[in-house]
Amino acid sequence: MEENAHKRGIEREVIAIKQADPFVGLLTVDKIYNETLADMKKALATKGARKQTGLKARSINIILGTVSRVLTQCARRWRDENGVTWLSEAPIIDPLPETDKRRPYPLSWAEQKLLLSELDADAAEVALFLLNSGVREQEACKLEWDWEVRVPELDANVFVVPADFGGRDGKAGVKNGEERLIVMNSVARTVIDGRRGKHERFVFASPRVKDAPLYRLNNSGWRGARARAAARYRSEIGIDPPEGFAAVRVHDLKHTLGRRLRAAGVGFETRQVLLGHSNGSVTTHYSAAELSELITAAELVCFGHADAPTLTLIVSNAKSRKSHAAKLKGAA
């Protein structure tokens, strides 16, 4: 941990080591391998006294990955007083199959309207901005006015999130460690313009803590809103709520934009830029013509746009092995 304190995501590594410690902390490194980790895998996946369910396979695999990296260092870099590595070779640690991995749930237009109607005003604005900008939760919650950049050639504004931006509790904010260009369509711009003058520094300031940004969108208010929206689903949309909607996550808002961009025919590289995914390029160096193309693409997924995409949602019934398609009006 000391050697890697400067790296992004080290906090997650620390958590993983703490989670593994009760199972392997008293073992010498040559006694840590697939078989000795079996009890840890089983225990972490099992329902416990303080948790309603065990960890998902992906979470356990993150812990296994950290253990594996430590053992690799023992075999390749770390040496004893005689200059000999602690292990002759690192063991292969098999990850768990991620069969319980939750799939993204992109919202239809009708579902978006229903969910937003149950959020309080501030949360609804953040959610609407996420749906139309493709930013991650912490990039929006900690967005600062100083990051706004005027593009006079296009009579438009963008935001540039600095590469060293820290998210919640100082944790890594920009996922790829690069500057993050935020391109806004007209809906996102409307949200931003409506926030002007409300706080000197933060676009989405905390309604409860003075001079602080919004802590997070994924809170009890979000969970309560999605539960109320799911309860209204049948009366509003005409079918039972899909399981994904009842458990919709904040990150699904980003997936929603990604699916809408793809359905609108926006190319892969353009989608990568709009969603803030790393593509190996210097992401904030664009000409006015390139920015114009990005803004035009983002505008295609505004609600009410003539070319706004539709999507057929396939709902599967595992018990009966039957599936049916529910064409949601204006689905994303």
C-alpha atoms as a PDB file:
ATOM      1  CA  MET A   1       0.000   0.000   0.000  1.00  0.00           C
ATOM      2  CA  GLU A   2       2.891   2.343   0.750  1.00  0.00           C
ATOM      3  CA  GLU A   3       4.504   1.675  -2.628  1.00  0.00           C
ATOM      4  CA  ASN A   4       1.242   2.291  -4.487  1.00  0.00           C
ATOM      5  CA  ALA A   5      -0.165   5.176  -2.451  1.00  0.00           C
ATOM      6  CA  HIS A   6       0.196   7.501  -5.449  1.00  0.00           C
ATOM      7  CA  LYS A   7      -1.883   5.332  -7.775  1.00  0.00           C
ATOM      8  CA  ARG A   8      -5.487   5.913  -8.690  1.00  0.00           C
ATOM      9  CA  GLY A   9      -7.902   3.519  -7.044  1.00  0.00           C
ATOM     10  CA  ILE A  10      -5.548   2.648  -4.179  1.00  0.00           C
ATOM     11  CA  GLU A  11      -8.461   3.098  -1.752  1.00  0.00           C
ATOM     12  CA  ARG A  12     -10.237   0.144  -3.351  1.00  0.00           C
ATOM     13  CA  GLU A  13      -7.061  -1.923  -3.017  1.00  0.00           C
ATOM     14  CA  VAL A  14      -6.919  -1.067   0.691  1.00  0.00           C
ATOM     15  CA  ILE A  15     -10.509  -2.227   1.151  1.00  0.00           C
ATOM     16  CA  ALA A  16      -9.761  -5.470  -0.694  1.00  0.00           C
ATOM     17  CA  ILE A  17      -6.750  -6.187   1.511  1.00  0.00           C
ATOM     18  CA  LYS A  18      -8.833  -5.578   4.631  1.00  0.00           C
ATOM     19  CA  GLN A  19     -11.516  -7.942   3.328  1.00  0.00           C
ATOM     20  CA  ALA A  20      -8.952 -10.653   2.571  1.00  0.00           C
ATOM     21  CA  ASP A  21      -6.985 -10.246   5.797  1.00  0.00           C
ATOM     22  CA  PRO A  22      -9.280 -12.336   8.085  1.00  0.00           C
ATOM     23  CA  PHE A  23      -8.770 -15.307   5.763  1.00  0.00           C
ATOM     24  CA  VAL A  24      -5.116 -15.070   4.686  1.00  0.00           C
ATOM     25  CA  GLY A  25      -3.534 -12.578   7.092  1.00  0.00           C
ATOM     26  CA  LEU A  26      -1.912 -15.277   9.240  1.00  0.00           C
ATOM     27  CA  LEU A  27      -0.642 -17.368   6.320  1.00  0.00           C
ATOM     28  CA  THR A  28       2.834 -17.112   4.864  1.00  0.00           C
ATOM     29  CA  VAL A  29       2.713 -16.072   1.215  1.00  0.00           C
ATOM     30  CA  ASP A  30       3.733 -19.531  -0.029  1.00  0.00           C
ATOM     31  CA  LYS A  31       0.548 -20.909   1.559  1.00  0.00           C
ATOM     32  CA  ILE A  32      -1.800 -18.611  -0.347  1.00  0.00           C
ATOM     33  CA  TYR A  33      -3.143 -20.170  -3.549  1.00  0.00           C
ATOM     34  CA  ASN A  34      -6.408 -21.340  -5.110  1.00  0.00           C
ATOM     35  CA  GLU A  35      -7.154 -24.066  -2.581  1.00  0.00           C
ATOM     36  CA  THR A  36      -6.451 -21.940   0.507  1.00  0.00           C
ATOM     37  CA  LEU A  37      -8.610 -19.168  -0.898  1.00  0.00           C
ATOM     38  CA  ALA A  38     -11.635 -21.456  -1.320  1.00  0.00           C
ATOM     39  CA  ASP A  39     -12.962 -20.756   2.179  1.00  0.00           C
ATOM     40  CA  MET A  40     -12.624 -17.014   1.611  1.00  0.00           C
ATOM     41  CA  LYS A  41     -14.572 -17.187  -1.655  1.00  0.00           C
ATOM     42  CA  LYS A  42     -17.351 -19.175   0.005  1.00  0.00           C
ATOM     43  CA  ALA A  43     -17.545 -16.990   3.116  1.00  0.00           C
ATOM     44  CA  LEU A  44     -17.660 -13.703   1.199  1.00  0.00           C
ATOM     45  CA  ALA A  45     -20.430 -15.005  -1.059  1.00  0.00           C
ATOM     46  CA  THR A  46     -22.529 -16.279   1.855  1.00  0.00           C
ATOM     47  CA  LYS A  47     -25.283 -14.339   3.583  1.00  0.00           C
ATOM     48  CA  GLY A  48     -23.944 -12.880   6.810  1.00  0.00           C
ATOM     49  CA  ALA A  49     -25.362 -11.489  10.023  1.00  0.00           C
ATOM     50  CA  ARG A  50     -24.825  -7.873   9.020  1.00  0.00           C
ATOM     51  CA  LYS A  51     -25.538  -8.221   5.289  1.00  0.00           C
ATOM     52  CA  GLN A  52     -28.747  -9.453   3.717  1.00  0.00           C
ATOM     53  CA  THR A  53     -26.729 -11.058   0.918  1.00  0.00           C
ATOM     54  CA  GLY A  54     -23.116 -11.959   0.326  1.00  0.00           C
ATOM     55  CA  LEU A  55     -20.798 -10.128  -2.041  1.00  0.00           C
ATOM     56  CA  LYS A  56     -21.368 -10.508  -5.753  1.00  0.00           C
ATOM     57  CA  ALA A  57     -18.859 -12.470  -7.776  1.00  0.00           C
ATOM     58  CA  ARG A  58     -17.408  -9.302  -9.294  1.00  0.00           C
ATOM     59  CA  SER A  59     -16.695  -7.840  -5.846  1.00  0.00           C
ATOM     60  CA  ILE A  60     -15.026 -11.066  -4.737  1.00  0.00           C
ATOM     61  CA  ASN A  61     -12.974 -11.119  -7.947  1.00  0.00           C
ATOM     62  CA  ILE A  62     -11.686  -7.633  -7.157  1.00  0.00           C
ATOM     63  CA  ILE A  63     -10.413  -8.973  -3.822  1.00  0.00           C
ATOM     64  CA  LEU A  64      -8.868 -12.001  -5.537  1.00  0.00           C
ATOM     65  CA  GLY A  65      -7.222  -9.702  -8.066  1.00  0.00           C
ATOM     66  CA  THR A  66      -5.612  -7.680  -5.289  1.00  0.00           C
ATOM     67  CA  VAL A  67      -4.337 -10.839  -3.583  1.00  0.00           C
ATOM     68  CA  SER A  68      -2.964 -12.032  -6.921  1.00  0.00           C
ATOM     69  CA  ARG A  69      -1.129  -8.749  -7.506  1.00  0.00           C
ATOM     70  CA  VAL A  70       0.495  -8.936  -4.078  1.00  0.00           C
ATOM     71  CA  LEU A  71       1.668 -12.492  -4.763  1.00  0.00           C
ATOM     72  CA  THR A  72       3.007 -11.435  -8.166  1.00  0.00           C
ATOM     73  CA  GLN A  73       5.102  -8.756  -6.474  1.00  0.00           C
ATOM     74  CA  CYS A  74       6.373 -11.421  -4.072  1.00  0.00           C
ATOM     75  CA  ALA A  75       7.535 -13.479  -7.026  1.00  0.00           C
ATOM     76  CA  ARG A  76       8.964 -10.695  -9.179  1.00  0.00           C
ATOM     77  CA  ARG A  77      10.043  -7.692  -7.131  1.00  0.00           C
ATOM     78  CA  TRP A  78      10.093  -8.102  -3.387  1.00  0.00           C
ATOM     79  CA  ARG A  79      13.174  -9.874  -2.034  1.00  0.00           C
ATOM     80  CA  ASP A  80      14.544 -11.034   1.277  1.00  0.00           C
ATOM     81  CA  GLU A  81      17.867 -10.048   2.845  1.00  0.00           C
ATOM     82  CA  ASN A  82      19.654 -12.480   0.532  1.00  0.00           C
ATOM     83  CA  GLY A  83      18.172 -10.955  -2.614  1.00  0.00           C
ATOM     84  CA  VAL A  84      15.848 -13.897  -3.238  1.00  0.00           C
ATOM     85  CA  THR A  85      12.206 -13.286  -4.145  1.00  0.00           C
ATOM     86  CA  TRP A  86       9.674 -14.388  -1.560  1.00  0.00           C
ATOM     87  CA  LEU A  87       8.061 -16.751  -4.087  1.00  0.00           C
ATOM     88  CA  SER A  88       9.632 -18.688  -6.943  1.00  0.00           C
ATOM     89  CA  GLU A  89       6.524 -17.994  -9.001  1.00  0.00           C
ATOM     90  CA  ALA A  90       3.111 -16.496  -8.407  1.00  0.00           C
ATOM     91  CA  PRO A  91       0.205 -18.948  -8.253  1.00  0.00           C
ATOM     92  CA  ILE A  92      -2.651 -18.749 -10.710  1.00  0.00           C
ATOM     93  CA  ILE A  93      -5.789 -17.684  -8.871  1.00  0.00           C
ATOM     94  CA  ASP A  94      -9.011 -18.526 -10.653  1.00  0.00           C
ATOM     95  CA  PRO A  95     -11.735 -15.844 -10.532  1.00  0.00           C
ATOM     96  CA  LEU A  96     -15.346 -16.727  -9.884  1.00  0.00           C
ATOM     97  CA  PRO A  97     -17.707 -16.852 -12.872  1.00  0.00           C
ATOM     98  CA  GLU A  98     -19.672 -13.611 -12.807  1.00  0.00           C
ATOM     99  CA  THR A  99     -23.064 -15.171 -13.452  1.00  0.00           C
ATOM    100  CA  ASP A 100     -24.721 -12.798 -10.985  1.00  0.00           C
ATOM    101  CA  LYS A 101     -23.449  -9.698 -12.739  1.00  0.00           C
ATOM    102  CA  ARG A 102     -26.153  -7.073 -13.032  1.00  0.00           C
ATOM    103  CA  ARG A 103     -26.787  -5.977 -16.586  1.00  0.00           C
ATOM    104  CA  PRO A 104     -27.148  -2.297 -17.456  1.00  0.00           C
ATOM    105  CA  TYR A 105     -30.709  -1.049 -17.689  1.00  0.00           C
ATOM    106  CA  PRO A 106     -31.160   1.799 -20.202  1.00  0.00           C
ATOM    107  CA  LEU A 107     -34.336   3.792 -19.637  1.00  0.00           C
ATOM    108  CA  SER A 108     -37.059   4.415 -22.171  1.00  0.00           C
ATOM    109  CA  TRP A 109     -38.400   7.947 -22.509  1.00  0.00           C
ATOM    110  CA  ALA A 110     -41.515   6.955 -20.587  1.00  0.00           C
ATOM    111  CA  GLU A 111     -39.425   5.382 -17.817  1.00  0.00           C
ATOM    112  CA  GLN A 112     -37.199   8.445 -17.687  1.00  0.00           C
ATOM    113  CA  LYS A 113     -40.208  10.721 -17.227  1.00  0.00           C
ATOM    114  CA  LEU A 114     -41.629   8.459 -14.528  1.00  0.00           C
ATOM    115  CA  LEU A 115     -38.373   8.259 -12.549  1.00  0.00           C
ATOM    116  CA  LEU A 116     -37.631  11.983 -12.758  1.00  0.00           C
ATOM    117  CA  SER A 117     -41.125  12.807 -11.532  1.00  0.00           C
ATOM    118  CA  GLU A 118     -40.409  10.996  -8.257  1.00  0.00           C
ATOM    119  CA  LEU A 119     -37.048  12.672  -7.573  1.00  0.00           C
ATOM    120  CA  ASP A 120     -36.858  15.966  -5.697  1.00  0.00           C
ATOM    121  CA  ALA A 121     -36.103  19.041  -7.810  1.00  0.00           C
ATOM    122  CA  ASP A 122     -32.337  19.147  -7.232  1.00  0.00           C
ATOM    123  CA  ALA A 123     -31.862  15.411  -7.763  1.00  0.00           C
ATOM    124  CA  ALA A 124     -34.014  15.496 -10.899  1.00  0.00           C
ATOM    125  CA  GLU A 125     -31.788  18.222 -12.364  1.00  0.00           C
ATOM    126  CA  VAL A 126     -28.647  16.202 -11.716  1.00  0.00           C
ATOM    127  CA  ALA A 127     -30.250  13.085 -13.211  1.00  0.00           C
ATOM    128  CA  LEU A 128     -31.389  14.996 -16.293  1.00  0.00           C
ATOM    129  CA  PHE A 129     -27.876  16.364 -16.736  1.00  0.00           C
ATOM    130  CA  LEU A 130     -26.428  12.843 -16.477  1.00  0.00           C
ATOM    131  CA  LEU A 131     -28.905  11.570 -19.065  1.00  0.00           C
ATOM    132  CA  ASN A 132     -27.841  14.246 -21.543  1.00  0.00           C
ATOM    133  CA  SER A 133     -24.116  14.607 -20.898  1.00  0.00           C
ATOM    134  CA  GLY A 134     -22.905  11.060 -20.192  1.00  0.00           C
ATOM    135  CA  VAL A 135     -20.831  12.073 -17.189  1.00  0.00           C
ATOM    136  CA  ARG A 136     -20.276   9.843 -14.180  1.00  0.00           C
ATOM    137  CA  GLU A 137     -22.054  10.550 -10.921  1.00  0.00           C
ATOM    138  CA  GLN A 138     -19.106  12.174  -9.155  1.00  0.00           C
ATOM    139  CA  GLU A 139     -18.126  14.233 -12.193  1.00  0.00           C
ATOM    140  CA  ALA A 140     -21.561  15.826 -12.060  1.00  0.00           C
ATOM    141  CA  CYS A 141     -21.838  16.142  -8.284  1.00  0.00           C
ATOM    142  CA  LYS A 142     -18.464  17.918  -8.013  1.00  0.00           C
ATOM    143  CA  LEU A 143     -18.748  19.937 -11.234  1.00  0.00           C
ATOM    144  CA  GLU A 144     -17.217  23.411 -10.854  1.00  0.00           C
ATOM    145  CA  TRP A 145     -17.928  26.620 -12.723  1.00  0.00           C
ATOM    146  CA  ASP A 146     -14.190  27.205 -13.211  1.00  0.00           C
ATOM    147  CA  TRP A 147     -14.124  24.156 -15.474  1.00  0.00           C
ATOM    148  CA  GLU A 148     -16.524  25.748 -17.969  1.00  0.00           C
ATOM    149  CA  VAL A 149     -14.907  26.777 -21.254  1.00  0.00           C
ATOM    150  CA  ARG A 150     -16.427  29.057 -23.842  1.00  0.00           C
ATOM    151  CA  VAL A 151     -16.180  28.062 -27.523  1.00  0.00           C
ATOM    152  CA  PRO A 152     -16.994  31.357 -29.276  1.00  0.00           C
ATOM    153  CA  GLU A 153     -16.790  29.899 -32.802  1.00  0.00           C
ATOM    154  CA  LEU A 154     -19.764  27.696 -31.990  1.00  0.00           C
ATOM    155  CA  ASP A 155     -21.532  29.999 -29.526  1.00  0.00           C
ATOM    156  CA  ALA A 156     -21.374  27.095 -27.087  1.00  0.00           C
ATOM    157  CA  ASN A 157     -19.837  26.098 -23.770  1.00  0.00           C
ATOM    158  CA  VAL A 158     -18.190  22.860 -22.673  1.00  0.00           C
ATOM    159  CA  PHE A 159     -16.722  21.691 -19.378  1.00  0.00           C
ATOM    160  CA  VAL A 160     -13.221  20.270 -18.954  1.00  0.00           C
ATOM    161  CA  VAL A 161     -12.832  18.194 -15.789  1.00  0.00           C
ATOM    162  CA  PRO A 162      -9.153  18.209 -14.716  1.00  0.00           C
ATOM    163  CA  ALA A 163      -7.252  14.930 -14.721  1.00  0.00           C
ATOM    164  CA  ASP A 164      -6.430  15.229 -11.025  1.00  0.00           C
ATOM    165  CA  PHE A 165     -10.052  15.754 -10.026  1.00  0.00           C
ATOM    166  CA  GLY A 166     -10.950  13.886  -6.850  1.00  0.00           C
ATOM    167  CA  GLY A 167     -14.430  12.415  -6.523  1.00  0.00           C
ATOM    168  CA  ARG A 168     -16.289  11.525  -3.346  1.00  0.00           C
ATOM    169  CA  ASP A 169     -14.084  11.666  -0.238  1.00  0.00           C
ATOM    170  CA  GLY A 170     -11.096  12.585  -2.389  1.00  0.00           C
ATOM    171  CA  LYS A 171     -11.224   9.325  -4.321  1.00  0.00           C
ATOM    172  CA  ALA A 172     -10.357   9.257  -7.994  1.00  0.00           C
ATOM    173  CA  GLY A 173     -12.967  11.167  -9.961  1.00  0.00           C
ATOM    174  CA  VAL A 174     -12.040  10.968 -13.642  1.00  0.00           C
ATOM    175  CA  LYS A 175     -11.878   7.257 -14.312  1.00  0.00           C
ATOM    176  CA  ASN A 176      -9.121   7.231 -16.927  1.00  0.00           C
ATOM    177  CA  GLY A 177      -6.771   9.712 -15.268  1.00  0.00           C
ATOM    178  CA  GLU A 178      -7.165  12.092 -18.201  1.00  0.00           C
ATOM    179  CA  GLU A 179      -8.901  15.396 -18.625  1.00  0.00           C
ATOM    180  CA  ARG A 180     -12.584  14.838 -19.292  1.00  0.00           C
ATOM    181  CA  LEU A 181     -14.365  16.829 -21.971  1.00  0.00           C
ATOM    182  CA  ILE A 182     -18.085  17.294 -21.276  1.00  0.00           C
ATOM    183  CA  VAL A 183     -20.107  18.139 -24.347  1.00  0.00           C
ATOM    184  CA  MET A 184     -23.670  19.275 -23.712  1.00  0.00           C
ATOM    185  CA  ASN A 185     -26.781  19.101 -25.843  1.00  0.00           C
ATOM    186  CA  SER A 186     -29.554  21.674 -25.470  1.00  0.00           C
ATOM    187  CA  VAL A 187     -31.201  19.829 -22.558  1.00  0.00           C
ATOM    188  CA  ALA A 188     -27.942  19.646 -20.576  1.00  0.00           C
ATOM    189  CA  ARG A 189     -27.283  23.319 -21.333  1.00  0.00           C
ATOM    190  CA  THR A 190     -30.730  24.224 -20.032  1.00  0.00           C
ATOM    191  CA  VAL A 191     -29.977  22.439 -16.762  1.00  0.00           C
ATOM    192  CA  ILE A 192     -26.634  24.238 -16.434  1.00  0.00           C
ATOM    193  CA  ASP A 193     -28.114  27.651 -17.245  1.00  0.00           C
ATOM    194  CA  GLY A 194     -30.754  27.079 -14.603  1.00  0.00           C
ATOM    195  CA  ARG A 195     -28.023  26.542 -11.991  1.00  0.00           C
ATOM    196  CA  ARG A 196     -26.178  29.789 -12.684  1.00  0.00           C
ATOM    197  CA  GLY A 197     -26.003  32.129  -9.716  1.00  0.00           C
ATOM    198  CA  LYS A 198     -27.001  29.480  -7.163  1.00  0.00           C
ATOM    199  CA  HIS A 199     -23.468  28.839  -5.923  1.00  0.00           C
ATOM    200  CA  GLU A 200     -20.183  30.599  -6.605  1.00  0.00           C
ATOM    201  CA  ARG A 201     -18.088  27.457  -7.059  1.00  0.00           C
ATOM    202  CA  PHE A 202     -20.184  24.325  -7.558  1.00  0.00           C
ATOM    203  CA  VAL A 203     -22.792  23.772 -10.245  1.00  0.00           C
ATOM    204  CA  PHE A 204     -24.696  21.304  -8.058  1.00  0.00           C
ATOM    205  CA  ALA A 205     -24.087  22.540  -4.521  1.00  0.00           C
ATOM    206  CA  SER A 206     -25.238  20.612  -1.476  1.00  0.00           C
ATOM    207  CA  PRO A 207     -28.679  21.731  -0.279  1.00  0.00           C
ATOM    208  CA  ARG A 208     -27.718  20.878   3.313  1.00  0.00           C
ATOM    209  CA  VAL A 209     -23.991  21.622   3.755  1.00  0.00           C
ATOM    210  CA  LYS A 210     -22.831  25.199   3.234  1.00  0.00           C
ATOM    211  CA  ASP A 211     -20.183  25.751   0.539  1.00  0.00           C
ATOM    212  CA  ALA A 212     -19.995  22.050  -0.267  1.00  0.00           C
ATOM    213  CA  PRO A 213     -20.792  20.135  -3.450  1.00  0.00           C
ATOM    214  CA  LEU A 214     -23.497  17.534  -3.722  1.00  0.00           C
ATOM    215  CA  TYR A 215     -22.200  14.399  -2.008  1.00  0.00           C
ATOM    216  CA  ARG A 216     -23.867  11.816  -4.222  1.00  0.00           C
ATOM    217  CA  LEU A 217     -27.072  11.123  -6.148  1.00  0.00           C
ATOM    218  CA  ASN A 218     -27.251   7.459  -5.166  1.00  0.00           C
ATOM    219  CA  ASN A 219     -28.779   7.868  -1.714  1.00  0.00           C
ATOM    220  CA  SER A 220     -31.967   7.048   0.158  1.00  0.00           C
ATOM    221  CA  GLY A 221     -33.801   9.684  -1.875  1.00  0.00           C
ATOM    222  CA  TRP A 222     -32.838   7.943  -5.119  1.00  0.00           C
ATOM    223  CA  ARG A 223     -33.805   4.526  -3.802  1.00  0.00           C
ATOM    224  CA  GLY A 224     -37.126   5.810  -2.515  1.00  0.00           C
ATOM    225  CA  ALA A 225     -37.877   7.526  -5.836  1.00  0.00           C
ATOM    226  CA  ARG A 226     -37.217   4.409  -7.908  1.00  0.00           C
ATOM    227  CA  ALA A 227     -39.417   2.340  -5.554  1.00  0.00           C
ATOM    228  CA  ARG A 228     -42.287   4.820  -5.930  1.00  0.00           C
ATOM    229  CA  ALA A 229     -41.759   4.940  -9.689  1.00  0.00           C
ATOM    230  CA  ALA A 230     -41.854   1.133  -9.871  1.00  0.00           C
ATOM    231  CA  ALA A 231     -45.121   1.144  -7.884  1.00  0.00           C
ATOM    232  CA  ARG A 232     -46.658   3.507 -10.478  1.00  0.00           C
ATOM    233  CA  TYR A 233     -45.213   1.646 -13.469  1.00  0.00           C
ATOM    234  CA  ARG A 234     -48.247  -0.425 -14.423  1.00  0.00           C
ATOM    235  CA  SER A 235     -50.696   2.448 -14.142  1.00  0.00           C
ATOM    236  CA  GLU A 236     -48.416   4.778 -16.134  1.00  0.00           C
ATOM    237  CA  ILE A 237     -46.915   2.462 -18.770  1.00  0.00           C
ATOM    238  CA  GLY A 238     -49.343  -0.446 -18.863  1.00  0.00           C
ATOM    239  CA  ILE A 239     -47.122  -3.414 -18.021  1.00  0.00           C
ATOM    240  CA  ASP A 240     -45.460  -4.715 -14.854  1.00  0.00           C
ATOM    241  CA  PRO A 241     -42.160  -2.999 -14.102  1.00  0.00           C
ATOM    242  CA  PRO A 242     -39.109  -4.924 -15.360  1.00  0.00           C
ATOM    243  CA  GLU A 243     -36.726  -6.056 -12.648  1.00  0.00           C
ATOM    244  CA  GLY A 244     -34.045  -3.712 -13.992  1.00  0.00           C
ATOM    245  CA  PHE A 245     -36.233  -0.647 -13.562  1.00  0.00           C
ATOM    246  CA  ALA A 246     -37.110  -1.496  -9.973  1.00  0.00           C
ATOM    247  CA  ALA A 247     -33.385  -1.563  -9.187  1.00  0.00           C
ATOM    248  CA  VAL A 248     -32.216   1.112 -11.639  1.00  0.00           C
ATOM    249  CA  ARG A 249     -28.841   2.593 -10.689  1.00  0.00           C
ATOM    250  CA  VAL A 250     -27.436   6.071 -11.194  1.00  0.00           C
ATOM    251  CA  HIS A 251     -24.861   4.597 -13.585  1.00  0.00           C
ATOM    252  CA  ASP A 252     -27.726   3.327 -15.749  1.00  0.00           C
ATOM    253  CA  LEU A 253     -28.329   6.943 -16.747  1.00  0.00           C
ATOM    254  CA  LYS A 254     -24.946   6.898 -18.486  1.00  0.00           C
ATOM    255  CA  HIS A 255     -25.831   3.580 -20.130  1.00  0.00           C
ATOM    256  CA  THR A 256     -29.092   5.159 -21.287  1.00  0.00           C
ATOM    257  CA  LEU A 257     -27.273   7.897 -23.172  1.00  0.00           C
ATOM    258  CA  GLY A 258     -24.849   5.384 -24.648  1.00  0.00           C
ATOM    259  CA  ARG A 259     -27.664   3.227 -25.996  1.00  0.00           C
ATOM    260  CA  ARG A 260     -29.496   6.241 -27.373  1.00  0.00           C
ATOM    261  CA  LEU A 261     -26.383   7.471 -29.153  1.00  0.00           C
ATOM    262  CA  ARG A 262     -25.825   4.060 -30.689  1.00  0.00           C
ATOM    263  CA  ALA A 263     -29.462   3.763 -31.740  1.00  0.00           C
ATOM    264  CA  ALA A 264     -29.216   7.197 -33.343  1.00  0.00           C
ATOM    265  CA  GLY A 265     -26.352   5.961 -35.510  1.00  0.00           C
ATOM    266  CA  VAL A 266     -23.585   7.875 -33.750  1.00  0.00           C
ATOM    267  CA  GLY A 267     -20.201   6.286 -34.513  1.00  0.00           C
ATOM    268  CA  PHE A 268     -18.152   4.386 -31.958  1.00  0.00           C
ATOM    269  CA  GLU A 269     -15.330   6.930 -31.595  1.00  0.00           C
ATOM    270  CA  THR A 270     -17.776   9.795 -31.170  1.00  0.00           C
ATOM    271  CA  ARG A 271     -19.674   7.820 -28.524  1.00  0.00           C
ATOM    272  CA  GLN A 272     -16.392   7.138 -26.726  1.00  0.00           C
ATOM    273  CA  VAL A 273     -15.653  10.843 -26.488  1.00  0.00           C
ATOM    274  CA  LEU A 274     -19.162  11.818 -25.410  1.00  0.00           C
ATOM    275  CA  LEU A 275     -19.203   9.143 -22.700  1.00  0.00           C
ATOM    276  CA  GLY A 276     -15.717   9.952 -21.453  1.00  0.00           C
ATOM    277  CA  HIS A 277     -14.191   6.588 -22.335  1.00  0.00           C
ATOM    278  CA  SER A 278     -10.460   6.407 -22.947  1.00  0.00           C
ATOM    279  CA  ASN A 279      -9.596   6.078 -26.632  1.00  0.00           C
ATOM    280  CA  GLY A 280      -5.866   6.734 -26.552  1.00  0.00           C
ATOM    281  CA  SER A 281      -6.133  10.305 -27.820  1.00  0.00           C
ATOM    282  CA  VAL A 282      -5.619  13.639 -26.082  1.00  0.00           C
ATOM    283  CA  THR A 283      -9.269  13.977 -25.264  1.00  0.00           C
ATOM    284  CA  THR A 284      -9.546  17.748 -24.788  1.00  0.00           C
ATOM    285  CA  HIS A 285      -7.712  18.877 -27.949  1.00  0.00           C
ATOM    286  CA  TYR A 286     -10.408  19.356 -30.552  1.00  0.00           C
ATOM    287  CA  SER A 287     -10.939  21.805 -33.364  1.00  0.00           C
ATOM    288  CA  ALA A 288     -14.146  23.831 -33.629  1.00  0.00           C
ATOM    289  CA  ALA A 289     -15.272  21.528 -36.447  1.00  0.00           C
ATOM    290  CA  GLU A 290     -14.741  18.434 -34.292  1.00  0.00           C
ATOM    291  CA  LEU A 291     -16.571  20.000 -31.345  1.00  0.00           C
ATOM    292  CA  SER A 292     -19.416  20.934 -33.675  1.00  0.00           C
ATOM    293  CA  GLU A 293     -19.688  17.282 -34.730  1.00  0.00           C
ATOM    294  CA  LEU A 294     -19.791  16.182 -31.094  1.00  0.00           C
ATOM    295  CA  ILE A 295     -22.485  18.709 -30.199  1.00  0.00           C
ATOM    296  CA  THR A 296     -24.551  17.679 -33.233  1.00  0.00           C
ATOM    297  CA  ALA A 297     -24.320  14.022 -32.192  1.00  0.00           C
ATOM    298  CA  ALA A 298     -25.318  14.844 -28.604  1.00  0.00           C
ATOM    299  CA  GLU A 299     -28.302  16.811 -29.900  1.00  0.00           C
ATOM    300  CA  LEU A 300     -29.677  13.712 -31.654  1.00  0.00           C
ATOM    301  CA  VAL A 301     -30.740  12.191 -28.331  1.00  0.00           C
ATOM    302  CA  CYS A 302     -32.706  15.139 -26.972  1.00  0.00           C
ATOM    303  CA  PHE A 303     -36.285  14.283 -26.103  1.00  0.00           C
ATOM    304  CA  GLY A 304     -38.565  15.427 -28.907  1.00  0.00           C
ATOM    305  CA  HIS A 305     -35.819  15.549 -31.534  1.00  0.00           C
ATOM    306  CA  ALA A 306     -37.048  14.288 -34.894  1.00  0.00           C
ATOM    307  CA  ASP A 307     -34.302  11.667 -34.997  1.00  0.00           C
ATOM    308  CA  ALA A 308     -34.553  10.591 -31.360  1.00  0.00           C
ATOM    309  CA  PRO A 309     -34.041   6.798 -31.306  1.00  0.00           C
ATOM    310  CA  THR A 310     -36.435   4.083 -30.268  1.00  0.00           C
ATOM    311  CA  LEU A 311     -35.636   0.663 -28.876  1.00  0.00           C
ATOM    312  CA  THR A 312     -37.631  -2.512 -28.419  1.00  0.00           C
ATOM    313  CA  LEU A 313     -37.189  -3.869 -24.906  1.00  0.00           C
ATOM    314  CA  ILE A 314     -36.980  -7.658 -24.734  1.00  0.00           C
ATOM    315  CA  VAL A 315     -38.328  -8.985 -21.428  1.00  0.00           C
ATOM    316  CA  SER A 316     -37.414 -12.576 -20.556  1.00  0.00           C
ATOM    317  CA  ASN A 317     -39.416 -14.835 -18.208  1.00  0.00           C
ATOM    318  CA  ALA A 318     -36.879 -17.366 -16.924  1.00  0.00           C
ATOM    319  CA  LYS A 319     -39.455 -19.579 -15.184  1.00  0.00           C
ATOM    320  CA  SER A 320     -41.582 -20.275 -18.196  1.00  0.00           C
ATOM    321  CA  ARG A 321     -38.692 -20.030 -20.669  1.00  0.00           C
ATOM    322  CA  LYS A 322     -40.811 -17.658 -22.713  1.00  0.00           C
ATOM    323  CA  SER A 323     -39.977 -14.156 -23.817  1.00  0.00           C
ATOM    324  CA  HIS A 324     -41.994 -11.323 -25.212  1.00  0.00           C
ATOM    325  CA  ALA A 325     -41.217  -7.915 -26.592  1.00  0.00           C
ATOM    326  CA  ALA A 326     -42.815  -4.900 -24.980  1.00  0.00           C
ATOM    327  CA  LYS A 327     -42.564  -1.930 -27.301  1.00  0.00           C
ATOM    328  CA  LEU A 328     -42.442   1.004 -24.888  1.00  0.00           C
ATOM    329  CA  LYS A 329     -43.657   4.246 -26.343  1.00  0.00           C
ATOM    330  CA  GLY A 330     -40.659   6.374 -27.213  1.00  0.00           C
ATOM    331  CA  ALA A 331     -38.276   3.801 -25.691  1.00  0.00           C
ATOM    332  CA  ALA A 332     -34.612   4.665 -25.805  1.00  0.00           C
END
